[in-house]
Amino acid sequence: MMAMFLKVFRFETTEEVPVPVAHLTVRAKDGIYLRVTLRDGLDTISKQIRE
């Protein structure tokens, strides 16, 4: 599923800077904010996903 999202959408960071917190894995304290936009030329694929 993640591969399908990466194929169709572009993920970019926003102005919010993540603050690392050490657990078993390193995570951001308040999450990681991403801007998600359709990749260029993928209108046909996005229509198929919605159907």
PDB file of N, CA and C in Angstrom:
ATOM      1  N   MET A   1       0.822  -1.179   0.000  1.00  0.00           N
ATOM      2  CA  MET A   1       0.000   0.000   0.000  1.00  0.00           C
ATOM      3  C   MET A   1       0.877   1.258   0.000  1.00  0.00           C
ATOM      4  N   MET A   2       1.934   1.250   0.804  1.00  0.00           N
ATOM      5  CA  MET A   2       2.812   2.422   0.858  1.00  0.00           C
ATOM      6  C   MET A   2       3.447   2.678  -0.502  1.00  0.00           C
ATOM      7  N   ALA A   3       3.809   1.629  -1.237  1.00  0.00           N
ATOM      8  CA  ALA A   3       4.394   1.803  -2.568  1.00  0.00           C
ATOM      9  C   ALA A   3       3.409   2.490  -3.502  1.00  0.00           C
ATOM     10  N   MET A   4       2.127   2.168  -3.381  1.00  0.00           N
ATOM     11  CA  MET A   4       1.112   2.804  -4.218  1.00  0.00           C
ATOM     12  C   MET A   4       1.018   4.296  -3.874  1.00  0.00           C
ATOM     13  N   PHE A   5       1.035   4.633  -2.585  1.00  0.00           N
ATOM     14  CA  PHE A   5       1.000   6.038  -2.186  1.00  0.00           C
ATOM     15  C   PHE A   5       2.211   6.790  -2.734  1.00  0.00           C
ATOM     16  N   LEU A   6       3.398   6.183  -2.636  1.00  0.00           N
ATOM     17  CA  LEU A   6       4.613   6.846  -3.101  1.00  0.00           C
ATOM     18  C   LEU A   6       4.622   7.014  -4.610  1.00  0.00           C
ATOM     19  N   LYS A   7       3.969   6.107  -5.320  1.00  0.00           N
ATOM     20  CA  LYS A   7       3.891   6.200  -6.778  1.00  0.00           C
ATOM     21  C   LYS A   7       2.990   7.353  -7.204  1.00  0.00           C
ATOM     22  N   VAL A   8       1.910   7.569  -6.474  1.00  0.00           N
ATOM     23  CA  VAL A   8       0.892   8.542  -6.865  1.00  0.00           C
ATOM     24  C   VAL A   8       1.118   9.915  -6.237  1.00  0.00           C
ATOM     25  N   PHE A   9       1.590   9.951  -4.990  1.00  0.00           N
ATOM     26  CA  PHE A   9       1.697  11.208  -4.264  1.00  0.00           C
ATOM     27  C   PHE A   9       3.142  11.597  -4.014  1.00  0.00           C
ATOM     28  N   ARG A  10       3.373  12.875  -3.858  1.00  0.00           N
ATOM     29  CA  ARG A  10       4.680  13.407  -3.472  1.00  0.00           C
ATOM     30  C   ARG A  10       4.574  13.806  -2.001  1.00  0.00           C
ATOM     31  N   PHE A  11       5.519  13.407  -1.192  1.00  0.00           N
ATOM     32  CA  PHE A  11       5.545  13.735   0.232  1.00  0.00           C
ATOM     33  C   PHE A  11       6.682  14.717   0.484  1.00  0.00           C
ATOM     34  N   GLU A  12       6.374  15.858   1.098  1.00  0.00           N
ATOM     35  CA  GLU A  12       7.377  16.869   1.417  1.00  0.00           C
ATOM     36  C   GLU A  12       7.217  17.272   2.881  1.00  0.00           C
ATOM     37  N   THR A  13       8.309  17.656   3.486  1.00  0.00           N
ATOM     38  CA  THR A  13       8.214  18.145   4.863  1.00  0.00           C
ATOM     39  C   THR A  13       7.620  19.547   4.858  1.00  0.00           C
ATOM     40  N   THR A  14       7.046  19.934   5.977  1.00  0.00           N
ATOM     41  CA  THR A  14       6.503  21.289   6.129  1.00  0.00           C
ATOM     42  C   THR A  14       7.469  22.104   6.966  1.00  0.00           C
ATOM     43  N   GLU A  15       7.030  23.262   7.412  1.00  0.00           N
ATOM     44  CA  GLU A  15       7.884  24.127   8.224  1.00  0.00           C
ATOM     45  C   GLU A  15       8.089  23.579   9.631  1.00  0.00           C
ATOM     46  N   GLU A  16       7.221  22.668  10.072  1.00  0.00           N
ATOM     47  CA  GLU A  16       7.336  22.068  11.407  1.00  0.00           C
ATOM     48  C   GLU A  16       8.556  21.143  11.446  1.00  0.00           C
ATOM     49  N   VAL A  17       9.467  21.407  12.348  1.00  0.00           N
ATOM     50  CA  VAL A  17      10.677  20.596  12.471  1.00  0.00           C
ATOM     51  C   VAL A  17      10.434  19.525  13.530  1.00  0.00           C
ATOM     52  N   PRO A  18      10.586  18.232  13.170  1.00  0.00           N
ATOM     53  CA  PRO A  18      10.362  17.169  14.150  1.00  0.00           C
ATOM     54  C   PRO A  18      11.425  17.177  15.256  1.00  0.00           C
ATOM     55  N   VAL A  19      11.000  16.914  16.481  1.00  0.00           N
ATOM     56  CA  VAL A  19      11.908  16.828  17.628  1.00  0.00           C
ATOM     57  C   VAL A  19      12.084  15.349  17.953  1.00  0.00           C
ATOM     58  N   PRO A  20      13.304  14.809  17.780  1.00  0.00           N
ATOM     59  CA  PRO A  20      13.509  13.381  18.033  1.00  0.00           C
ATOM     60  C   PRO A  20      13.334  13.016  19.510  1.00  0.00           C
ATOM     61  N   VAL A  21      12.724  11.873  19.751  1.00  0.00           N
ATOM     62  CA  VAL A  21      12.544  11.340  21.099  1.00  0.00           C
ATOM     63  C   VAL A  21      12.996   9.886  21.055  1.00  0.00           C
ATOM     64  N   ALA A  22      13.894   9.510  21.936  1.00  0.00           N
ATOM     65  CA  ALA A  22      14.418   8.145  21.932  1.00  0.00           C
ATOM     66  C   ALA A  22      13.448   7.190  22.627  1.00  0.00           C
ATOM     67  N   HIS A  23      13.024   6.194  21.930  1.00  0.00           N
ATOM     68  CA  HIS A  23      12.255   5.063  22.454  1.00  0.00           C
ATOM     69  C   HIS A  23      13.028   3.832  22.002  1.00  0.00           C
ATOM     70  N   LEU A  24      12.327   2.762  21.748  1.00  0.00           N
ATOM     71  CA  LEU A  24      12.989   1.616  21.139  1.00  0.00           C
ATOM     72  C   LEU A  24      13.446   2.006  19.733  1.00  0.00           C
ATOM     73  N   THR A  25      12.644   2.859  19.095  1.00  0.00           N
ATOM     74  CA  THR A  25      13.032   3.469  17.826  1.00  0.00           C
ATOM     75  C   THR A  25      12.988   4.980  18.023  1.00  0.00           C
ATOM     76  N   VAL A  26      13.618   5.735  17.145  1.00  0.00           N
ATOM     77  CA  VAL A  26      13.596   7.192  17.260  1.00  0.00           C
ATOM     78  C   VAL A  26      12.344   7.709  16.569  1.00  0.00           C
ATOM     79  N   ARG A  27      11.573   8.504  17.287  1.00  0.00           N
ATOM     80  CA  ARG A  27      10.329   9.073  16.765  1.00  0.00           C
ATOM     81  C   ARG A  27      10.348  10.577  17.010  1.00  0.00           C
ATOM     82  N   ALA A  28       9.454  11.273  16.330  1.00  0.00           N
ATOM     83  CA  ALA A  28       9.302  12.705  16.583  1.00  0.00           C
ATOM     84  C   ALA A  28       8.310  12.896  17.729  1.00  0.00           C
ATOM     85  N   LYS A  29       8.600  13.808  18.634  1.00  0.00           N
ATOM     86  CA  LYS A  29       7.777  14.042  19.817  1.00  0.00           C
ATOM     87  C   LYS A  29       6.321  14.337  19.453  1.00  0.00           C
ATOM     88  N   ASP A  30       6.097  15.229  18.505  1.00  0.00           N
ATOM     89  CA  ASP A  30       4.739  15.624  18.119  1.00  0.00           C
ATOM     90  C   ASP A  30       4.360  15.133  16.726  1.00  0.00           C
ATOM     91  N   GLY A  31       5.008  14.096  16.239  1.00  0.00           N
ATOM     92  CA  GLY A  31       4.730  13.584  14.899  1.00  0.00           C
ATOM     93  C   GLY A  31       5.564  14.307  13.857  1.00  0.00           C
ATOM     94  N   ILE A  32       5.433  13.869  12.619  1.00  0.00           N
ATOM     95  CA  ILE A  32       6.137  14.491  11.502  1.00  0.00           C
ATOM     96  C   ILE A  32       5.078  14.986  10.533  1.00  0.00           C
ATOM     97  N   TYR A  33       5.087  16.279  10.289  1.00  0.00           N
ATOM     98  CA  TYR A  33       4.106  16.886   9.401  1.00  0.00           C
ATOM     99  C   TYR A  33       4.591  16.772   7.963  1.00  0.00           C
ATOM    100  N   LEU A  34       3.711  16.293   7.082  1.00  0.00           N
ATOM    101  CA  LEU A  34       4.043  16.157   5.666  1.00  0.00           C
ATOM    102  C   LEU A  34       2.991  16.844   4.817  1.00  0.00           C
ATOM    103  N   ARG A  35       3.425  17.412   3.714  1.00  0.00           N
ATOM    104  CA  ARG A  35       2.523  17.958   2.719  1.00  0.00           C
ATOM    105  C   ARG A  35       2.419  16.895   1.627  1.00  0.00           C
ATOM    106  N   VAL A  36       1.200  16.474   1.307  1.00  0.00           N
ATOM    107  CA  VAL A  36       0.981  15.403   0.335  1.00  0.00           C
ATOM    108  C   VAL A  36       0.276  15.997  -0.877  1.00  0.00           C
ATOM    109  N   THR A  37       0.912  15.859  -2.063  1.00  0.00           N
ATOM    110  CA  THR A  37       0.330  16.361  -3.303  1.00  0.00           C
ATOM    111  C   THR A  37       0.409  15.289  -4.377  1.00  0.00           C
ATOM    112  N   LEU A  38      -0.512  15.361  -5.339  1.00  0.00           N
ATOM    113  CA  LEU A  38      -0.467  14.433  -6.462  1.00  0.00           C
ATOM    114  C   LEU A  38       0.768  14.703  -7.297  1.00  0.00           C
ATOM    115  N   ARG A  39       1.390  13.664  -7.799  1.00  0.00           N
ATOM    116  CA  ARG A  39       2.510  13.832  -8.716  1.00  0.00           C
ATOM    117  C   ARG A  39       1.975  14.310 -10.059  1.00  0.00           C
ATOM    118  N   ASP A  40       2.787  15.008 -10.822  1.00  0.00           N
ATOM    119  CA  ASP A  40       2.379  15.523 -12.128  1.00  0.00           C
ATOM    120  C   ASP A  40       2.004  14.394 -13.077  1.00  0.00           C
ATOM    121  N   GLY A  41       0.921  14.598 -13.841  1.00  0.00           N
ATOM    122  CA  GLY A  41       0.521  13.643 -14.867  1.00  0.00           C
ATOM    123  C   GLY A  41      -0.154  12.394 -14.344  1.00  0.00           C
ATOM    124  N   LEU A  42      -0.603  12.386 -13.111  1.00  0.00           N
ATOM    125  CA  LEU A  42      -1.199  11.171 -12.558  1.00  0.00           C
ATOM    126  C   LEU A  42      -2.697  11.325 -12.304  1.00  0.00           C
ATOM    127  N   ASP A  43      -3.351  12.237 -13.018  1.00  0.00           N
ATOM    128  CA  ASP A  43      -4.788  12.426 -12.840  1.00  0.00           C
ATOM    129  C   ASP A  43      -5.562  11.152 -13.153  1.00  0.00           C
ATOM    130  N   THR A  44      -5.133  10.397 -14.151  1.00  0.00           N
ATOM    131  CA  THR A  44      -5.814   9.162 -14.530  1.00  0.00           C
ATOM    132  C   THR A  44      -5.735   8.134 -13.412  1.00  0.00           C
ATOM    133  N   ILE A  45      -4.576   7.988 -12.815  1.00  0.00           N
ATOM    134  CA  ILE A  45      -4.403   7.022 -11.728  1.00  0.00           C
ATOM    135  C   ILE A  45      -5.243   7.423 -10.524  1.00  0.00           C
ATOM    136  N   SER A  46      -5.268   8.717 -10.202  1.00  0.00           N
ATOM    137  CA  SER A  46      -6.041   9.147  -9.043  1.00  0.00           C
ATOM    138  C   SER A  46      -7.531   8.892  -9.248  1.00  0.00           C
ATOM    139  N   LYS A  47      -8.010   9.020 -10.477  1.00  0.00           N
ATOM    140  CA  LYS A  47      -9.419   8.712 -10.764  1.00  0.00           C
ATOM    141  C   LYS A  47      -9.685   7.230 -10.558  1.00  0.00           C
ATOM    142  N   GLN A  48      -8.750   6.371 -10.962  1.00  0.00           N
ATOM    143  CA  GLN A  48      -8.909   4.921 -10.783  1.00  0.00           C
ATOM    144  C   GLN A  48      -8.940   4.568  -9.312  1.00  0.00           C
ATOM    145  N   ILE A  49      -8.142   5.227  -8.497  1.00  0.00           N
ATOM    146  CA  ILE A  49      -8.093   4.926  -7.063  1.00  0.00           C
ATOM    147  C   ILE A  49      -9.420   5.268  -6.410  1.00  0.00           C
ATOM    148  N   ARG A  50     -10.033   6.371  -6.818  1.00  0.00           N
ATOM    149  CA  ARG A  50     -11.292   6.807  -6.220  1.00  0.00           C
ATOM    150  C   ARG A  50     -12.469   5.923  -6.599  1.00  0.00           C
ATOM    151  N   GLU A  51     -12.362   5.173  -7.682  1.00  0.00           N
ATOM    152  CA  GLU A  51     -13.486   4.334  -8.131  1.00  0.00           C
ATOM    153  C   GLU A  51     -13.615   3.061  -7.339  1.00  0.00           C
TER     154      GLU A  51
END
